Amino acid sequence: MRDFELIYASELEKVQKESDALVVDIRQPMEYERGHWPGAVNYPYTQIERGGNRLPQNRKLILYCDHGGGSMQLAQMLGRQGFHVASVVGGYEAMKKFSKTYFKNPRNM
């Protein structure tokens, strides 16, 4: 049994709205600045792993990285700690392919 959920890029916007989830980009700040999901906050993987950021335990977290592997590992860790957490399958790359209207603007890629 997993301690986290998997969410596909095609479901992200709906799940985010329905659950008032906080979308967390776990990539490095430079990558986040080049483009990120609308409304996502940036908490790099290494800072969360070390406990450097205080993530809300009373709100669903949806994590993403570049391709989904790192966010899945971190979601599993946070799920074991009691967080209600999900990971986006395929990460930012899948999100860009799905949400072409947002990511059509080269500034958001």
PDB file of N, CA and C in Angstrom:
ATOM      1  N   MET A   1       0.835  -1.195   0.000  1.00  0.00           N
ATOM      2  CA  MET A   1       0.000   0.000   0.000  1.00  0.00           C
ATOM      3  C   MET A   1       0.877   1.254   0.000  1.00  0.00           C
ATOM      4  N   ARG A   2       0.530   2.188  -0.867  1.00  0.00           N
ATOM      5  CA  ARG A   2       1.279   3.443  -0.955  1.00  0.00           C
ATOM      6  C   ARG A   2       0.821   4.421   0.124  1.00  0.00           C
ATOM      7  N   ASP A   3       1.714   5.290   0.509  1.00  0.00           N
ATOM      8  CA  ASP A   3       1.409   6.340   1.469  1.00  0.00           C
ATOM      9  C   ASP A   3       1.112   7.657   0.762  1.00  0.00           C
ATOM     10  N   PHE A   4       0.910   7.588  -0.560  1.00  0.00           N
ATOM     11  CA  PHE A   4       0.659   8.788  -1.358  1.00  0.00           C
ATOM     12  C   PHE A   4      -0.174   8.403  -2.571  1.00  0.00           C
ATOM     13  N   GLU A   5      -0.676   9.416  -3.269  1.00  0.00           N
ATOM     14  CA  GLU A   5      -1.463   9.197  -4.484  1.00  0.00           C
ATOM     15  C   GLU A   5      -0.629   9.545  -5.706  1.00  0.00           C
ATOM     16  N   LEU A   6      -1.043   9.006  -6.834  1.00  0.00           N
ATOM     17  CA  LEU A   6      -0.479   9.413  -8.123  1.00  0.00           C
ATOM     18  C   LEU A   6      -1.547  10.196  -8.861  1.00  0.00           C
ATOM     19  N   ILE A   7      -1.151  11.305  -9.458  1.00  0.00           N
ATOM     20  CA  ILE A   7      -2.065  12.144 -10.226  1.00  0.00           C
ATOM     21  C   ILE A   7      -1.463  12.327 -11.611  1.00  0.00           C
ATOM     22  N   TYR A   8      -2.289  12.198 -12.626  1.00  0.00           N
ATOM     23  CA  TYR A   8      -1.836  12.436 -13.992  1.00  0.00           C
ATOM     24  C   TYR A   8      -1.976  13.916 -14.326  1.00  0.00           C
ATOM     25  N   ALA A   9      -1.145  14.389 -15.227  1.00  0.00           N
ATOM     26  CA  ALA A   9      -1.166  15.798 -15.612  1.00  0.00           C
ATOM     27  C   ALA A   9      -2.561  16.234 -16.054  1.00  0.00           C
ATOM     28  N   SER A  10      -3.290  15.337 -16.708  1.00  0.00           N
ATOM     29  CA  SER A  10      -4.640  15.672 -17.183  1.00  0.00           C
ATOM     30  C   SER A  10      -5.618  15.902 -16.035  1.00  0.00           C
ATOM     31  N   GLU A  11      -5.297  15.423 -14.839  1.00  0.00           N
ATOM     32  CA  GLU A  11      -6.179  15.566 -13.672  1.00  0.00           C
ATOM     33  C   GLU A  11      -5.751  16.692 -12.737  1.00  0.00           C
ATOM     34  N   LEU A  12      -4.568  17.211 -12.923  1.00  0.00           N
ATOM     35  CA  LEU A  12      -3.971  18.120 -11.950  1.00  0.00           C
ATOM     36  C   LEU A  12      -4.845  19.322 -11.631  1.00  0.00           C
ATOM     37  N   GLU A  13      -5.281  20.034 -12.635  1.00  0.00           N
ATOM     38  CA  GLU A  13      -6.063  21.249 -12.387  1.00  0.00           C
ATOM     39  C   GLU A  13      -7.345  20.938 -11.607  1.00  0.00           C
ATOM     40  N   LYS A  14      -8.036  19.876 -11.994  1.00  0.00           N
ATOM     41  CA  LYS A  14      -9.276  19.482 -11.326  1.00  0.00           C
ATOM     42  C   LYS A  14      -9.018  19.103  -9.861  1.00  0.00           C
ATOM     43  N   VAL A  15      -8.037  18.267  -9.624  1.00  0.00           N
ATOM     44  CA  VAL A  15      -7.714  17.831  -8.263  1.00  0.00           C
ATOM     45  C   VAL A  15      -7.271  19.019  -7.417  1.00  0.00           C
ATOM     46  N   GLN A  16      -6.493  19.898  -8.001  1.00  0.00           N
ATOM     47  CA  GLN A  16      -6.007  21.071  -7.281  1.00  0.00           C
ATOM     48  C   GLN A  16      -7.186  21.915  -6.801  1.00  0.00           C
ATOM     49  N   LYS A  17      -8.151  22.152  -7.663  1.00  0.00           N
ATOM     50  CA  LYS A  17      -9.310  22.974  -7.300  1.00  0.00           C
ATOM     51  C   LYS A  17     -10.221  22.271  -6.313  1.00  0.00           C
ATOM     52  N   GLU A  18     -10.522  21.007  -6.572  1.00  0.00           N
ATOM     53  CA  GLU A  18     -11.458  20.274  -5.716  1.00  0.00           C
ATOM     54  C   GLU A  18     -10.955  20.092  -4.294  1.00  0.00           C
ATOM     55  N   SER A  19      -9.661  19.923  -4.135  1.00  0.00           N
ATOM     56  CA  SER A  19      -9.123  19.648  -2.804  1.00  0.00           C
ATOM     57  C   SER A  19      -8.414  20.850  -2.183  1.00  0.00           C
ATOM     58  N   ASP A  20      -8.406  21.986  -2.874  1.00  0.00           N
ATOM     59  CA  ASP A  20      -7.665  23.163  -2.432  1.00  0.00           C
ATOM     60  C   ASP A  20      -6.223  22.784  -2.089  1.00  0.00           C
ATOM     61  N   ALA A  21      -5.645  21.950  -2.940  1.00  0.00           N
ATOM     62  CA  ALA A  21      -4.293  21.443  -2.711  1.00  0.00           C
ATOM     63  C   ALA A  21      -3.249  22.518  -2.991  1.00  0.00           C
ATOM     64  N   LEU A  22      -2.136  22.370  -2.321  1.00  0.00           N
ATOM     65  CA  LEU A  22      -0.972  23.210  -2.563  1.00  0.00           C
ATOM     66  C   LEU A  22      -0.060  22.459  -3.531  1.00  0.00           C
ATOM     67  N   VAL A  23       0.184  23.050  -4.685  1.00  0.00           N
ATOM     68  CA  VAL A  23       1.073  22.424  -5.669  1.00  0.00           C
ATOM     69  C   VAL A  23       2.492  22.864  -5.360  1.00  0.00           C
ATOM     70  N   VAL A  24       3.381  21.873  -5.207  1.00  0.00           N
ATOM     71  CA  VAL A  24       4.751  22.140  -4.786  1.00  0.00           C
ATOM     72  C   VAL A  24       5.728  21.663  -5.857  1.00  0.00           C
ATOM     73  N   ASP A  25       6.471  22.615  -6.398  1.00  0.00           N
ATOM     74  CA  ASP A  25       7.522  22.338  -7.372  1.00  0.00           C
ATOM     75  C   ASP A  25       8.788  22.060  -6.578  1.00  0.00           C
ATOM     76  N   ILE A  26       9.306  20.833  -6.675  1.00  0.00           N
ATOM     77  CA  ILE A  26      10.473  20.471  -5.858  1.00  0.00           C
ATOM     78  C   ILE A  26      11.795  20.606  -6.621  1.00  0.00           C
ATOM     79  N   ARG A  27      11.743  21.224  -7.798  1.00  0.00           N
ATOM     80  CA  ARG A  27      12.972  21.434  -8.573  1.00  0.00           C
ATOM     81  C   ARG A  27      13.773  22.582  -7.956  1.00  0.00           C
ATOM     82  N   GLN A  28      14.960  22.793  -8.456  1.00  0.00           N
ATOM     83  CA  GLN A  28      15.809  23.886  -7.985  1.00  0.00           C
ATOM     84  C   GLN A  28      15.201  25.242  -8.374  1.00  0.00           C
ATOM     85  N   PRO A  29      15.478  26.297  -7.601  1.00  0.00           N
ATOM     86  CA  PRO A  29      14.899  27.613  -7.880  1.00  0.00           C
ATOM     87  C   PRO A  29      15.114  28.100  -9.313  1.00  0.00           C
ATOM     88  N   MET A  30      16.281  27.826  -9.899  1.00  0.00           N
ATOM     89  CA  MET A  30      16.551  28.267 -11.265  1.00  0.00           C
ATOM     90  C   MET A  30      15.567  27.616 -12.248  1.00  0.00           C
ATOM     91  N   GLU A  31      15.288  26.341 -12.051  1.00  0.00           N
ATOM     92  CA  GLU A  31      14.334  25.638 -12.918  1.00  0.00           C
ATOM     93  C   GLU A  31      12.928  26.191 -12.716  1.00  0.00           C
ATOM     94  N   TYR A  32      12.569  26.426 -11.482  1.00  0.00           N
ATOM     95  CA  TYR A  32      11.255  26.996 -11.150  1.00  0.00           C
ATOM     96  C   TYR A  32      11.075  28.356 -11.823  1.00  0.00           C
ATOM     97  N   GLU A  33      12.098  29.181 -11.765  1.00  0.00           N
ATOM     98  CA  GLU A  33      12.034  30.521 -12.369  1.00  0.00           C
ATOM     99  C   GLU A  33      11.846  30.464 -13.881  1.00  0.00           C
ATOM    100  N   ARG A  34      12.383  29.431 -14.525  1.00  0.00           N
ATOM    101  CA  ARG A  34      12.229  29.292 -15.980  1.00  0.00           C
ATOM    102  C   ARG A  34      10.803  28.931 -16.360  1.00  0.00           C
ATOM    103  N   GLY A  35      10.056  28.366 -15.446  1.00  0.00           N
ATOM    104  CA  GLY A  35       8.669  28.017 -15.714  1.00  0.00           C
ATOM    105  C   GLY A  35       8.149  27.035 -14.690  1.00  0.00           C
ATOM    106  N   HIS A  36       6.895  27.228 -14.313  1.00  0.00           N
ATOM    107  CA  HIS A  36       6.279  26.352 -13.323  1.00  0.00           C
ATOM    108  C   HIS A  36       4.759  26.367 -13.496  1.00  0.00           C
ATOM    109  N   TRP A  37       4.098  25.431 -12.845  1.00  0.00           N
ATOM    110  CA  TRP A  37       2.641  25.337 -12.885  1.00  0.00           C
ATOM    111  C   TRP A  37       2.055  26.582 -12.203  1.00  0.00           C
ATOM    112  N   PRO A  38       0.978  27.158 -12.749  1.00  0.00           N
ATOM    113  CA  PRO A  38       0.378  28.354 -12.140  1.00  0.00           C
ATOM    114  C   PRO A  38       0.012  28.109 -10.670  1.00  0.00           C
ATOM    115  N   GLY A  39       0.473  28.987  -9.811  1.00  0.00           N
ATOM    116  CA  GLY A  39       0.172  28.899  -8.387  1.00  0.00           C
ATOM    117  C   GLY A  39       1.070  27.972  -7.592  1.00  0.00           C
ATOM    118  N   ALA A  40       1.992  27.292  -8.266  1.00  0.00           N
ATOM    119  CA  ALA A  40       2.896  26.378  -7.554  1.00  0.00           C
ATOM    120  C   ALA A  40       3.897  27.163  -6.719  1.00  0.00           C
ATOM    121  N   VAL A  41       4.256  26.599  -5.580  1.00  0.00           N
ATOM    122  CA  VAL A  41       5.307  27.175  -4.742  1.00  0.00           C
ATOM    123  C   VAL A  41       6.561  26.321  -4.922  1.00  0.00           C
ATOM    124  N   ASN A  42       7.706  26.921  -4.707  1.00  0.00           N
ATOM    125  CA  ASN A  42       8.969  26.208  -4.898  1.00  0.00           C
ATOM    126  C   ASN A  42       9.600  25.854  -3.558  1.00  0.00           C
ATOM    127  N   TYR A  43       9.646  24.560  -3.277  1.00  0.00           N
ATOM    128  CA  TYR A  43      10.369  24.012  -2.138  1.00  0.00           C
ATOM    129  C   TYR A  43      11.271  22.927  -2.703  1.00  0.00           C
ATOM    130  N   PRO A  44      12.545  23.205  -2.911  1.00  0.00           N
ATOM    131  CA  PRO A  44      13.441  22.208  -3.492  1.00  0.00           C
ATOM    132  C   PRO A  44      13.506  20.917  -2.666  1.00  0.00           C
ATOM    133  N   TYR A  45      13.649  19.824  -3.381  1.00  0.00           N
ATOM    134  CA  TYR A  45      13.699  18.475  -2.811  1.00  0.00           C
ATOM    135  C   TYR A  45      14.636  18.399  -1.617  1.00  0.00           C
ATOM    136  N   THR A  46      15.859  18.889  -1.796  1.00  0.00           N
ATOM    137  CA  THR A  46      16.868  18.736  -0.743  1.00  0.00           C
ATOM    138  C   THR A  46      16.480  19.473   0.535  1.00  0.00           C
ATOM    139  N   GLN A  47      15.836  20.619   0.410  1.00  0.00           N
ATOM    140  CA  GLN A  47      15.416  21.367   1.596  1.00  0.00           C
ATOM    141  C   GLN A  47      14.302  20.636   2.336  1.00  0.00           C
ATOM    142  N   ILE A  48      13.360  20.079   1.596  1.00  0.00           N
ATOM    143  CA  ILE A  48      12.266  19.337   2.230  1.00  0.00           C
ATOM    144  C   ILE A  48      12.817  18.087   2.893  1.00  0.00           C
ATOM    145  N   GLU A  49      13.703  17.396   2.195  1.00  0.00           N
ATOM    146  CA  GLU A  49      14.289  16.164   2.712  1.00  0.00           C
ATOM    147  C   GLU A  49      15.023  16.400   4.037  1.00  0.00           C
ATOM    148  N   ARG A  50      15.670  17.540   4.142  1.00  0.00           N
ATOM    149  CA  ARG A  50      16.404  17.884   5.369  1.00  0.00           C
ATOM    150  C   ARG A  50      15.508  18.519   6.426  1.00  0.00           C
ATOM    151  N   GLY A  51      14.238  18.755   6.072  1.00  0.00           N
ATOM    152  CA  GLY A  51      13.316  19.378   7.021  1.00  0.00           C
ATOM    153  C   GLY A  51      13.442  20.885   7.062  1.00  0.00           C
ATOM    154  N   GLY A  52      14.030  21.467   6.022  1.00  0.00           N
ATOM    155  CA  GLY A  52      14.249  22.908   5.996  1.00  0.00           C
ATOM    156  C   GLY A  52      13.012  23.743   5.734  1.00  0.00           C
ATOM    157  N   ASN A  53      12.001  23.172   5.170  1.00  0.00           N
ATOM    158  CA  ASN A  53      10.771  23.911   4.908  1.00  0.00           C
ATOM    159  C   ASN A  53       9.631  23.312   5.715  1.00  0.00           C
ATOM    160  N   ARG A  54       8.779  24.156   6.173  1.00  0.00           N
ATOM    161  CA  ARG A  54       7.599  23.711   6.920  1.00  0.00           C
ATOM    162  C   ARG A  54       6.426  23.628   5.949  1.00  0.00           C
ATOM    163  N   LEU A  55       6.057  22.415   5.602  1.00  0.00           N
ATOM    164  CA  LEU A  55       4.920  22.212   4.711  1.00  0.00           C
ATOM    165  C   LEU A  55       3.664  22.018   5.553  1.00  0.00           C
ATOM    166  N   PRO A  56       2.522  22.534   5.102  1.00  0.00           N
ATOM    167  CA  PRO A  56       1.295  22.394   5.891  1.00  0.00           C
ATOM    168  C   PRO A  56       0.796  20.948   5.920  1.00  0.00           C
ATOM    169  N   GLN A  57       0.557  20.434   7.111  1.00  0.00           N
ATOM    170  CA  GLN A  57       0.050  19.069   7.236  1.00  0.00           C
ATOM    171  C   GLN A  57      -1.469  19.024   7.130  1.00  0.00           C
ATOM    172  N   ASN A  58      -2.114  20.171   7.200  1.00  0.00           N
ATOM    173  CA  ASN A  58      -3.573  20.205   7.148  1.00  0.00           C
ATOM    174  C   ASN A  58      -4.104  20.475   5.740  1.00  0.00           C
ATOM    175  N   ARG A  59      -3.254  20.379   4.756  1.00  0.00           N
ATOM    176  CA  ARG A  59      -3.636  20.657   3.364  1.00  0.00           C
ATOM    177  C   ARG A  59      -2.999  19.617   2.453  1.00  0.00           C
ATOM    178  N   LYS A  60      -3.741  19.197   1.427  1.00  0.00           N
ATOM    179  CA  LYS A  60      -3.189  18.237   0.479  1.00  0.00           C
ATOM    180  C   LYS A  60      -2.046  18.890  -0.293  1.00  0.00           C
ATOM    181  N   LEU A  61      -0.972  18.133  -0.474  1.00  0.00           N
ATOM    182  CA  LEU A  61       0.192  18.594  -1.232  1.00  0.00           C
ATOM    183  C   LEU A  61       0.276  17.790  -2.521  1.00  0.00           C
ATOM    184  N   ILE A  62       0.505  18.475  -3.619  1.00  0.00           N
ATOM    185  CA  ILE A  62       0.740  17.814  -4.901  1.00  0.00           C
ATOM    186  C   ILE A  62       2.149  18.200  -5.339  1.00  0.00           C
ATOM    187  N   LEU A  63       3.035  17.222  -5.365  1.00  0.00           N
ATOM    188  CA  LEU A  63       4.439  17.460  -5.694  1.00  0.00           C
ATOM    189  C   LEU A  63       4.725  17.147  -7.156  1.00  0.00           C
ATOM    190  N   TYR A  64       5.643  17.919  -7.743  1.00  0.00           N
ATOM    191  CA  TYR A  64       6.156  17.555  -9.064  1.00  0.00           C
ATOM    192  C   TYR A  64       7.614  17.955  -9.186  1.00  0.00           C
ATOM    193  N   CYS A  65       8.318  17.205 -10.034  1.00  0.00           N
ATOM    194  CA  CYS A  65       9.716  17.480 -10.368  1.00  0.00           C
ATOM    195  C   CYS A  65       9.796  17.502 -11.895  1.00  0.00           C
ATOM    196  N   ASP A  66      10.949  17.225 -12.474  1.00  0.00           N
ATOM    197  CA  ASP A  66      11.072  17.232 -13.934  1.00  0.00           C
ATOM    198  C   ASP A  66      10.301  16.099 -14.601  1.00  0.00           C
ATOM    199  N   HIS A  67      10.536  14.865 -14.133  1.00  0.00           N
ATOM    200  CA  HIS A  67       9.956  13.695 -14.806  1.00  0.00           C
ATOM    201  C   HIS A  67       9.121  12.807 -13.899  1.00  0.00           C
ATOM    202  N   GLY A  68       9.037  13.106 -12.609  1.00  0.00           N
ATOM    203  CA  GLY A  68       8.165  12.365 -11.698  1.00  0.00           C
ATOM    204  C   GLY A  68       8.829  11.445 -10.708  1.00  0.00           C
ATOM    205  N   GLY A  69      10.074  11.058 -10.941  1.00  0.00           N
ATOM    206  CA  GLY A  69      10.741  10.125 -10.039  1.00  0.00           C
ATOM    207  C   GLY A  69      11.050  10.713  -8.673  1.00  0.00           C
ATOM    208  N   GLY A  70      11.611  11.902  -8.668  1.00  0.00           N
ATOM    209  CA  GLY A  70      11.957  12.549  -7.400  1.00  0.00           C
ATOM    210  C   GLY A  70      10.737  12.898  -6.576  1.00  0.00           C
ATOM    211  N   SER A  71       9.702  13.391  -7.236  1.00  0.00           N
ATOM    212  CA  SER A  71       8.495  13.747  -6.487  1.00  0.00           C
ATOM    213  C   SER A  71       7.812  12.505  -5.927  1.00  0.00           C
ATOM    214  N   MET A  72       7.906  11.389  -6.631  1.00  0.00           N
ATOM    215  CA  MET A  72       7.318  10.153  -6.124  1.00  0.00           C
ATOM    216  C   MET A  72       8.061   9.687  -4.864  1.00  0.00           C
ATOM    217  N   GLN A  73       9.377   9.765  -4.877  1.00  0.00           N
ATOM    218  CA  GLN A  73      10.164   9.370  -3.694  1.00  0.00           C
ATOM    219  C   GLN A  73       9.855  10.278  -2.502  1.00  0.00           C
ATOM    220  N   LEU A  74       9.789  11.577  -2.767  1.00  0.00           N
ATOM    221  CA  LEU A  74       9.526  12.528  -1.694  1.00  0.00           C
ATOM    222  C   LEU A  74       8.085  12.378  -1.185  1.00  0.00           C
ATOM    223  N   ALA A  75       7.149  12.125  -2.079  1.00  0.00           N
ATOM    224  CA  ALA A  75       5.751  11.913  -1.666  1.00  0.00           C
ATOM    225  C   ALA A  75       5.644  10.709  -0.749  1.00  0.00           C
ATOM    226  N   GLN A  76       6.374   9.669  -1.065  1.00  0.00           N
ATOM    227  CA  GLN A  76       6.361   8.472  -0.228  1.00  0.00           C
ATOM    228  C   GLN A  76       6.901   8.796   1.171  1.00  0.00           C
ATOM    229  N   MET A  77       7.985   9.528   1.219  1.00  0.00           N
ATOM    230  CA  MET A  77       8.573   9.902   2.504  1.00  0.00           C
ATOM    231  C   MET A  77       7.604  10.759   3.327  1.00  0.00           C
ATOM    232  N   LEU A  78       7.025  11.774   2.680  1.00  0.00           N
ATOM    233  CA  LEU A  78       6.103  12.664   3.385  1.00  0.00           C
ATOM    234  C   LEU A  78       4.822  11.942   3.793  1.00  0.00           C
ATOM    235  N   GLY A  79       4.353  11.025   2.944  1.00  0.00           N
ATOM    236  CA  GLY A  79       3.172  10.245   3.277  1.00  0.00           C
ATOM    237  C   GLY A  79       3.377   9.436   4.544  1.00  0.00           C
ATOM    238  N   ARG A  80       4.547   8.877   4.698  1.00  0.00           N
ATOM    239  CA  ARG A  80       4.878   8.111   5.914  1.00  0.00           C
ATOM    240  C   ARG A  80       4.923   9.006   7.148  1.00  0.00           C
ATOM    241  N   GLN A  81       5.158  10.305   6.917  1.00  0.00           N
ATOM    242  CA  GLN A  81       5.211  11.259   8.027  1.00  0.00           C
ATOM    243  C   GLN A  81       3.831  11.829   8.350  1.00  0.00           C
ATOM    244  N   GLY A  82       2.809  11.373   7.630  1.00  0.00           N
ATOM    245  CA  GLY A  82       1.447  11.810   7.930  1.00  0.00           C
ATOM    246  C   GLY A  82       0.877  12.880   7.023  1.00  0.00           C
ATOM    247  N   PHE A  83       1.627  13.294   6.013  1.00  0.00           N
ATOM    248  CA  PHE A  83       1.118  14.293   5.079  1.00  0.00           C
ATOM    249  C   PHE A  83       0.132  13.647   4.117  1.00  0.00           C
ATOM    250  N   HIS A  84      -0.862  14.407   3.668  1.00  0.00           N
ATOM    251  CA  HIS A  84      -1.774  13.983   2.601  1.00  0.00           C
ATOM    252  C   HIS A  84      -1.124  14.481   1.319  1.00  0.00           C
ATOM    253  N   VAL A  85      -0.509  13.584   0.574  1.00  0.00           N
ATOM    254  CA  VAL A  85       0.370  13.999  -0.515  1.00  0.00           C
ATOM    255  C   VAL A  85       0.145  13.174  -1.776  1.00  0.00           C
ATOM    256  N   ALA A  86       0.405  13.818  -2.906  1.00  0.00           N
ATOM    257  CA  ALA A  86       0.299  13.179  -4.219  1.00  0.00           C
ATOM    258  C   ALA A  86       1.502  13.594  -5.050  1.00  0.00           C
ATOM    259  N   SER A  87       1.768  12.809  -6.097  1.00  0.00           N
ATOM    260  CA  SER A  87       2.868  13.088  -7.021  1.00  0.00           C
ATOM    261  C   SER A  87       2.309  13.086  -8.440  1.00  0.00           C
ATOM    262  N   VAL A  88       2.773  14.012  -9.260  1.00  0.00           N
ATOM    263  CA  VAL A  88       2.332  14.094 -10.651  1.00  0.00           C
ATOM    264  C   VAL A  88       3.162  13.119 -11.492  1.00  0.00           C
ATOM    265  N   VAL A  89       2.497  12.164 -12.106  1.00  0.00           N
ATOM    266  CA  VAL A  89       3.147  11.176 -12.968  1.00  0.00           C
ATOM    267  C   VAL A  89       3.750  11.895 -14.176  1.00  0.00           C
ATOM    268  N   GLY A  90       5.028  11.691 -14.402  1.00  0.00           N
ATOM    269  CA  GLY A  90       5.698  12.323 -15.540  1.00  0.00           C
ATOM    270  C   GLY A  90       6.189  13.726 -15.270  1.00  0.00           C
ATOM    271  N   GLY A  91       5.844  14.284 -14.115  1.00  0.00           N
ATOM    272  CA  GLY A  91       6.335  15.587 -13.681  1.00  0.00           C
ATOM    273  C   GLY A  91       6.037  16.744 -14.614  1.00  0.00           C
ATOM    274  N   TYR A  92       6.923  17.724 -14.561  1.00  0.00           N
ATOM    275  CA  TYR A  92       6.753  18.963 -15.315  1.00  0.00           C
ATOM    276  C   TYR A  92       6.691  18.713 -16.818  1.00  0.00           C
ATOM    277  N   GLU A  93       7.454  17.747 -17.297  1.00  0.00           N
ATOM    278  CA  GLU A  93       7.434  17.447 -18.735  1.00  0.00           C
ATOM    279  C   GLU A  93       6.046  16.996 -19.180  1.00  0.00           C
ATOM    280  N   ALA A  94       5.385  16.157 -18.400  1.00  0.00           N
ATOM    281  CA  ALA A  94       4.027  15.713 -18.727  1.00  0.00           C
ATOM    282  C   ALA A  94       3.039  16.866 -18.616  1.00  0.00           C
ATOM    283  N   MET A  95       3.246  17.726 -17.641  1.00  0.00           N
ATOM    284  CA  MET A  95       2.360  18.876 -17.461  1.00  0.00           C
ATOM    285  C   MET A  95       2.444  19.815 -18.659  1.00  0.00           C
ATOM    286  N   LYS A  96       3.656  20.034 -19.164  1.00  0.00           N
ATOM    287  CA  LYS A  96       3.821  20.905 -20.336  1.00  0.00           C
ATOM    288  C   LYS A  96       3.107  20.330 -21.549  1.00  0.00           C
ATOM    289  N   LYS A  97       3.203  19.023 -21.747  1.00  0.00           N
ATOM    290  CA  LYS A  97       2.557  18.391 -22.898  1.00  0.00           C
ATOM    291  C   LYS A  97       1.038  18.467 -22.792  1.00  0.00           C
ATOM    292  N   PHE A  98       0.515  18.318 -21.589  1.00  0.00           N
ATOM    293  CA  PHE A  98      -0.928  18.331 -21.413  1.00  0.00           C
ATOM    294  C   PHE A  98      -1.502  19.744 -21.514  1.00  0.00           C
ATOM    295  N   SER A  99      -0.897  20.676 -20.829  1.00  0.00           N
ATOM    296  CA  SER A  99      -1.457  22.014 -20.723  1.00  0.00           C
ATOM    297  C   SER A  99      -0.829  22.971 -21.733  1.00  0.00           C
ATOM    298  N   LYS A 100      -1.029  22.681 -22.996  1.00  0.00           N
ATOM    299  CA  LYS A 100      -0.395  23.480 -24.052  1.00  0.00           C
ATOM    300  C   LYS A 100      -0.846  24.940 -24.052  1.00  0.00           C
ATOM    301  N   THR A 101      -2.062  25.219 -23.597  1.00  0.00           N
ATOM    302  CA  THR A 101      -2.515  26.606 -23.592  1.00  0.00           C
ATOM    303  C   THR A 101      -1.675  27.444 -22.639  1.00  0.00           C
ATOM    304  N   TYR A 102      -1.390  26.942 -21.464  1.00  0.00           N
ATOM    305  CA  TYR A 102      -0.564  27.685 -20.518  1.00  0.00           C
ATOM    306  C   TYR A 102       0.887  27.704 -20.966  1.00  0.00           C
ATOM    307  N   PHE A 103       1.377  26.550 -21.374  1.00  0.00           N
ATOM    308  CA  PHE A 103       2.782  26.436 -21.700  1.00  0.00           C
ATOM    309  C   PHE A 103       3.101  26.821 -23.141  1.00  0.00           C
ATOM    310  N   LYS A 104       2.099  27.281 -23.889  1.00  0.00           N
ATOM    311  CA  LYS A 104       2.328  27.730 -25.258  1.00  0.00           C
ATOM    312  C   LYS A 104       3.262  28.943 -25.257  1.00  0.00           C
ATOM    313  N   ASN A 105       3.170  29.744 -24.228  1.00  0.00           N
ATOM    314  CA  ASN A 105       4.020  30.912 -24.093  1.00  0.00           C
ATOM    315  C   ASN A 105       5.436  30.435 -23.747  1.00  0.00           C
ATOM    316  N   PRO A 106       6.422  30.706 -24.594  1.00  0.00           N
ATOM    317  CA  PRO A 106       7.804  30.249 -24.344  1.00  0.00           C
ATOM    318  C   PRO A 106       8.349  30.687 -22.991  1.00  0.00           C
ATOM    319  N   ARG A 107       7.849  31.789 -22.443  1.00  0.00           N
ATOM    320  CA  ARG A 107       8.313  32.255 -21.135  1.00  0.00           C
ATOM    321  C   ARG A 107       7.953  31.268 -20.023  1.00  0.00           C
ATOM    322  N   ASN A 108       6.909  30.469 -20.223  1.00  0.00           N
ATOM    323  CA  ASN A 108       6.463  29.535 -19.192  1.00  0.00           C
ATOM    324  C   ASN A 108       7.091  28.162 -19.328  1.00  0.00           C
ATOM    325  N   MET A 109       7.972  27.969 -20.294  1.00  0.00           N
ATOM    326  CA  MET A 109       8.588  26.666 -20.502  1.00  0.00           C
ATOM    327  C   MET A 109       9.961  26.681 -19.895  1.00  0.00           C
TER     328      MET A 109
END
